Amino acid sequence: MSKRFIQAVSVLGVSAILLLMVAGLAARSDIANAQEQDESTARRTITVSGTGRVTAQPDEATISIGAQITAPTLAEATEQANAIMTKVLAALKAQGIDPKEIQTSTYNVNPVTTYNEGEPPKVTGYQVMNVVNVKVKDIANVGKVLDAGMSAGANYLGGVTFGIADSSKYETEARTAAVKDATHIAETLAAASGVKLGNVISITEGVTSAPPPLPYARSAADAASAGPVETGSLEISTNVLMRFEISE
């Protein structure tokens, strides 16, 4: 057998193998494209977001109350502030406030400086501020607690904030409302598009907004006599992202 014949046969064999490989790759490509199209068709979806909001009444309050004293010397200012706070704390406890619900929030000591033209700054006294945060579990007693503290000698009132001790119940209600809202939107979109809504594929919850404390401003003078306190209401909200199948 001649060398030329052998070479020709070899070339034909390699060509045939290459043709088979190309055909195989083309077939795989067609199969992959078909699978992608099938998956795309199978995953026809509607994606929507929903929001849930729940309004709740506060069930606890935090009062910021204390003494702010200015005196010629630091010792005098400290002594006077301490004397007032001793009476204030006793009055708060007499109102049934648990000592564990009273926490010092501020204790500042600052020099009082006088500035005169042509003279160096001069310290003429000291100011001491001693403030506690008092948690009141019974909203109805907020006015009485304020009155007791101010009557005992407190001359600083940082304000009153209202909150919810346990917001988990309302957060659950907000989530339920958010899912219902998203489902309603998806149903509306499906009906408008002439398709049927299928099963839920996925649900993703966004950030749940816990109620921030609701501030209530009241001056020290106004707090000297107990009066009605309007607590207002707090809003808990959340949002969800839902993905639904489109069923034929």
Protein backbone atom coordinates (compact mmCIF):
# COMPACT_ATOMS: atom_id res chain seq x y z
CA MET A 1 0.00 0.00 0.00
CA SER A 2 1.47 3.33 -1.05
CA LYS A 3 2.27 6.10 1.40
CA ARG A 4 0.00 8.49 -0.51
CA PHE A 5 -2.99 6.18 -0.03
CA ILE A 6 -2.30 5.85 3.68
CA GLN A 7 -2.04 9.62 4.05
CA ALA A 8 -5.31 10.13 2.17
CA VAL A 9 -7.09 7.63 4.40
CA SER A 10 -5.69 9.37 7.49
CA VAL A 11 -6.90 12.77 6.33
CA LEU A 12 -10.36 11.40 5.62
CA GLY A 13 -10.47 9.79 9.07
CA VAL A 14 -9.54 13.00 10.85
CA SER A 15 -12.07 14.95 8.81
CA ALA A 16 -14.80 12.50 9.72
CA ILE A 17 -13.94 12.79 13.41
CA LEU A 18 -14.00 16.56 13.23
CA LEU A 19 -17.39 16.50 11.50
CA LEU A 20 -18.77 14.21 14.20
CA MET A 21 -17.43 16.50 16.93
CA VAL A 22 -18.97 19.57 15.31
CA ALA A 23 -22.28 17.77 14.89
CA GLY A 24 -22.18 16.69 18.53
CA LEU A 25 -21.49 20.19 19.77
CA ALA A 26 -24.28 21.57 17.61
CA ALA A 27 -26.68 18.98 18.99
CA ARG A 28 -25.67 19.82 22.57
CA SER A 29 -26.15 23.51 21.85
CA ASP A 30 -29.64 22.85 20.47
CA ILE A 31 -30.51 20.78 23.54
CA ALA A 32 -29.18 23.47 25.91
CA ASN A 33 -31.13 26.17 24.10
CA ALA A 34 -34.27 24.06 24.23
CA GLN A 35 -33.78 23.47 27.97
CA GLU A 36 -33.27 27.19 28.59
CA GLN A 37 -36.43 27.95 26.65
CA ASP A 38 -38.34 25.30 28.60
CA GLU A 39 -37.04 26.67 31.91
CA SER A 40 -37.87 30.20 30.84
CA THR A 41 -41.38 29.11 29.94
CA ALA A 42 -41.74 27.11 33.17
CA ARG A 43 -40.57 30.08 35.24
CA ARG A 44 -42.91 32.70 33.93
CA THR A 45 -43.54 34.71 37.07
CA ILE A 46 -45.06 37.81 38.60
CA THR A 47 -42.99 39.60 41.25
CA VAL A 48 -44.65 42.15 43.53
CA SER A 49 -44.06 43.95 46.82
CA GLY A 50 -46.58 44.48 49.59
CA THR A 51 -46.70 46.68 52.67
CA GLY A 52 -48.38 46.04 56.00
CA ARG A 53 -49.06 48.67 58.64
CA VAL A 54 -50.52 48.29 62.12
CA THR A 55 -51.39 51.08 64.55
CA ALA A 56 -51.02 50.41 68.26
CA GLN A 57 -51.52 52.31 71.48
CA PRO A 58 -48.44 52.84 73.70
CA ASP A 59 -48.46 50.86 76.93
CA GLU A 60 -45.46 52.35 78.72
CA ALA A 61 -43.74 55.71 79.16
CA THR A 62 -40.27 56.96 79.99
CA ILE A 63 -39.88 60.21 81.93
CA SER A 64 -36.61 62.15 81.91
CA ILE A 65 -36.47 64.16 85.14
CA GLY A 66 -33.82 65.58 87.44
CA ALA A 67 -32.01 68.52 89.00
CA GLN A 68 -29.98 71.29 87.39
CA ILE A 69 -28.15 73.40 89.97
CA THR A 70 -25.75 76.33 89.61
CA ALA A 71 -23.74 77.46 92.65
CA PRO A 72 -20.55 79.45 93.38
CA THR A 73 -18.58 76.29 94.19
CA LEU A 74 -18.62 72.75 92.87
CA ALA A 75 -19.18 71.38 96.37
CA GLU A 76 -22.29 73.52 96.85
CA ALA A 77 -23.73 72.65 93.44
CA THR A 78 -23.11 68.94 93.99
CA GLU A 79 -24.59 68.99 97.50
CA GLN A 80 -27.76 70.78 96.38
CA ALA A 81 -28.26 68.53 93.34
CA ASN A 82 -27.74 65.40 95.43
CA ALA A 83 -30.20 66.61 98.07
CA ILE A 84 -32.88 67.25 95.45
CA MET A 85 -32.35 63.90 93.72
CA THR A 86 -32.55 62.03 97.03
CA LYS A 87 -36.03 63.50 97.57
CA VAL A 88 -37.05 62.95 93.93
CA LEU A 89 -36.05 59.27 93.98
CA ALA A 90 -37.93 58.73 97.24
CA ALA A 91 -41.04 60.36 95.75
CA LEU A 92 -40.83 58.20 92.61
CA LYS A 93 -40.52 55.00 94.64
CA ALA A 94 -43.49 56.11 96.76
CA GLN A 95 -45.50 56.11 93.52
CA GLY A 96 -44.76 52.42 93.10
CA ILE A 97 -41.88 52.78 90.65
CA ASP A 98 -39.53 49.78 90.85
CA PRO A 99 -35.95 50.94 91.54
CA LYS A 100 -34.85 48.80 88.57
CA GLU A 101 -36.93 51.08 86.32
CA ILE A 102 -34.93 54.16 87.38
CA GLN A 103 -31.64 54.74 85.57
CA THR A 104 -29.25 57.69 85.60
CA SER A 105 -29.07 59.06 82.06
CA THR A 106 -27.06 62.24 82.58
CA TYR A 107 -24.60 63.48 85.17
CA ASN A 108 -22.72 66.56 84.02
CA VAL A 109 -20.47 69.02 85.83
CA ASN A 110 -19.62 72.22 83.95
CA PRO A 111 -17.86 75.41 85.03
CA VAL A 112 -19.75 78.67 84.63
CA THR A 113 -17.40 81.11 82.92
CA THR A 114 -17.76 84.89 82.73
CA TYR A 115 -16.25 86.79 79.83
CA ASN A 116 -15.44 90.50 80.21
CA GLU A 117 -13.81 92.59 77.54
CA GLY A 118 -10.12 93.06 78.13
CA GLU A 119 -10.03 90.44 80.88
CA PRO A 120 -9.24 86.73 80.82
CA PRO A 121 -12.19 84.31 81.21
CA LYS A 122 -13.14 83.82 84.85
CA VAL A 123 -14.87 80.82 86.42
CA THR A 124 -17.65 82.21 88.60
CA GLY A 125 -19.42 79.00 89.53
CA TYR A 126 -20.34 75.44 88.61
CA GLN A 127 -23.40 73.77 87.19
CA VAL A 128 -24.32 70.21 88.10
CA MET A 129 -26.98 68.29 86.18
CA ASN A 130 -28.28 64.97 87.48
CA VAL A 131 -31.03 63.37 85.38
CA VAL A 132 -32.70 59.96 85.56
CA ASN A 133 -34.91 58.07 83.13
CA VAL A 134 -37.98 56.62 84.81
CA LYS A 135 -39.98 53.89 83.11
CA VAL A 136 -43.70 53.97 83.96
CA LYS A 137 -45.46 50.70 83.16
CA ASP A 138 -48.96 52.12 83.70
CA ILE A 139 -49.68 54.97 81.29
CA ALA A 140 -52.48 56.23 83.54
CA ASN A 141 -49.92 57.07 86.24
CA VAL A 142 -47.66 59.28 84.10
CA GLY A 143 -49.23 62.51 85.35
CA LYS A 144 -49.01 61.44 88.99
CA VAL A 145 -45.37 60.39 88.65
CA LEU A 146 -44.51 63.71 87.02
CA ASP A 147 -46.28 65.62 89.76
CA ALA A 148 -44.52 63.62 92.49
CA GLY A 149 -41.09 64.22 91.00
CA MET A 150 -41.57 67.94 90.43
CA SER A 151 -43.15 68.44 93.86
CA ALA A 152 -40.12 66.77 95.43
CA GLY A 153 -37.88 69.48 94.01
CA ALA A 154 -36.93 68.41 90.49
CA ASN A 155 -36.39 71.48 88.31
CA TYR A 156 -35.43 69.77 85.06
CA LEU A 157 -37.80 67.85 82.80
CA GLY A 158 -36.32 66.36 79.65
CA GLY A 159 -39.69 65.18 78.42
CA VAL A 160 -41.82 62.06 78.21
CA THR A 161 -41.63 59.38 75.52
CA PHE A 162 -44.22 56.67 74.93
CA GLY A 163 -43.50 53.20 73.63
CA ILE A 164 -44.64 49.59 73.42
CA ALA A 165 -43.13 47.06 75.80
CA ASP A 166 -43.50 44.10 73.41
CA SER A 167 -44.18 44.89 69.76
CA SER A 168 -43.85 41.28 68.47
CA LYS A 169 -47.64 40.82 68.28
CA TYR A 170 -48.03 43.91 66.12
CA GLU A 171 -45.06 42.95 63.94
CA THR A 172 -46.79 39.62 63.20
CA GLU A 173 -49.98 41.45 62.25
CA ALA A 174 -47.99 43.78 59.99
CA ARG A 175 -46.36 40.81 58.21
CA THR A 176 -49.75 39.19 57.62
CA ALA A 177 -51.09 42.44 56.20
CA ALA A 178 -48.03 42.80 53.94
CA VAL A 179 -48.50 39.31 52.47
CA LYS A 180 -52.20 39.97 51.85
CA ASP A 181 -51.32 43.27 50.17
CA ALA A 182 -48.73 41.66 47.89
CA THR A 183 -51.09 38.80 46.99
CA HIS A 184 -53.88 41.24 46.11
CA ILE A 185 -51.53 43.20 43.84
CA ALA A 186 -50.36 40.00 42.13
CA GLU A 187 -53.96 38.89 41.55
CA THR A 188 -54.80 42.28 40.06
CA LEU A 189 -51.81 42.15 37.70
CA ALA A 190 -52.60 38.59 36.65
CA ALA A 191 -56.24 39.42 35.90
CA ALA A 192 -55.27 42.53 33.94
CA SER A 193 -52.78 40.46 31.91
CA GLY A 194 -55.23 37.66 31.18
CA VAL A 195 -53.27 34.99 33.04
CA LYS A 196 -53.86 32.92 36.14
CA LEU A 197 -51.87 33.32 39.31
CA GLY A 198 -50.05 30.19 40.45
CA ASN A 199 -48.22 29.15 43.60
CA VAL A 200 -45.85 31.31 45.60
CA ILE A 201 -42.24 30.66 44.60
CA SER A 202 -40.51 32.83 47.17
CA ILE A 203 -41.13 35.44 49.87
CA THR A 204 -38.51 37.90 51.08
CA GLU A 205 -39.17 40.16 54.04
CA GLY A 206 -37.79 43.67 54.05
CA VAL A 207 -37.01 45.75 57.11
CA THR A 208 -39.65 45.68 59.84
CA SER A 209 -40.06 49.13 61.29
CA ALA A 210 -40.38 48.88 65.06
CA PRO A 211 -42.16 51.85 66.59
CA PRO A 212 -39.77 54.58 67.70
CA PRO A 213 -40.52 56.26 71.04
CA LEU A 214 -43.21 58.90 70.69
CA PRO A 215 -41.99 62.13 72.32
CA TYR A 216 -44.28 64.26 74.42
CA ALA A 217 -43.03 67.72 75.32
CA ARG A 218 -43.94 69.22 78.66
CA SER A 219 -42.24 72.00 80.56
CA ALA A 220 -41.20 71.73 84.18
CA ALA A 221 -43.75 74.39 85.09
CA ASP A 222 -46.59 72.52 83.36
CA ALA A 223 -45.59 69.28 85.05
CA ALA A 224 -45.92 70.82 88.50
CA SER A 225 -49.58 69.83 88.52
CA ALA A 226 -50.75 66.47 87.29
CA GLY A 227 -53.02 66.66 84.27
CA PRO A 228 -54.21 64.51 81.38
CA VAL A 229 -51.49 63.23 79.04
CA GLU A 230 -52.33 62.30 75.45
CA THR A 231 -50.31 59.26 74.41
CA GLY A 232 -51.12 59.27 70.69
CA SER A 233 -50.52 56.10 68.67
CA LEU A 234 -47.55 54.28 67.14
CA GLU A 235 -47.22 52.61 63.73
CA ILE A 236 -45.45 49.31 63.06
CA SER A 237 -44.78 48.54 59.40
CA THR A 238 -43.04 45.96 57.22
CA ASN A 239 -42.79 45.03 53.55
CA VAL A 240 -42.40 41.79 51.63
CA LEU A 241 -41.27 40.84 48.13
CA MET A 242 -43.25 37.90 46.70
CA ARG A 243 -42.75 35.88 43.52
CA PHE A 244 -45.67 33.93 42.02
CA GLU A 245 -45.87 31.41 39.20
CA ILE A 246 -48.03 32.18 36.20
CA SER A 247 -50.20 29.13 35.62
CA GLU A 248 -51.77 28.45 32.23
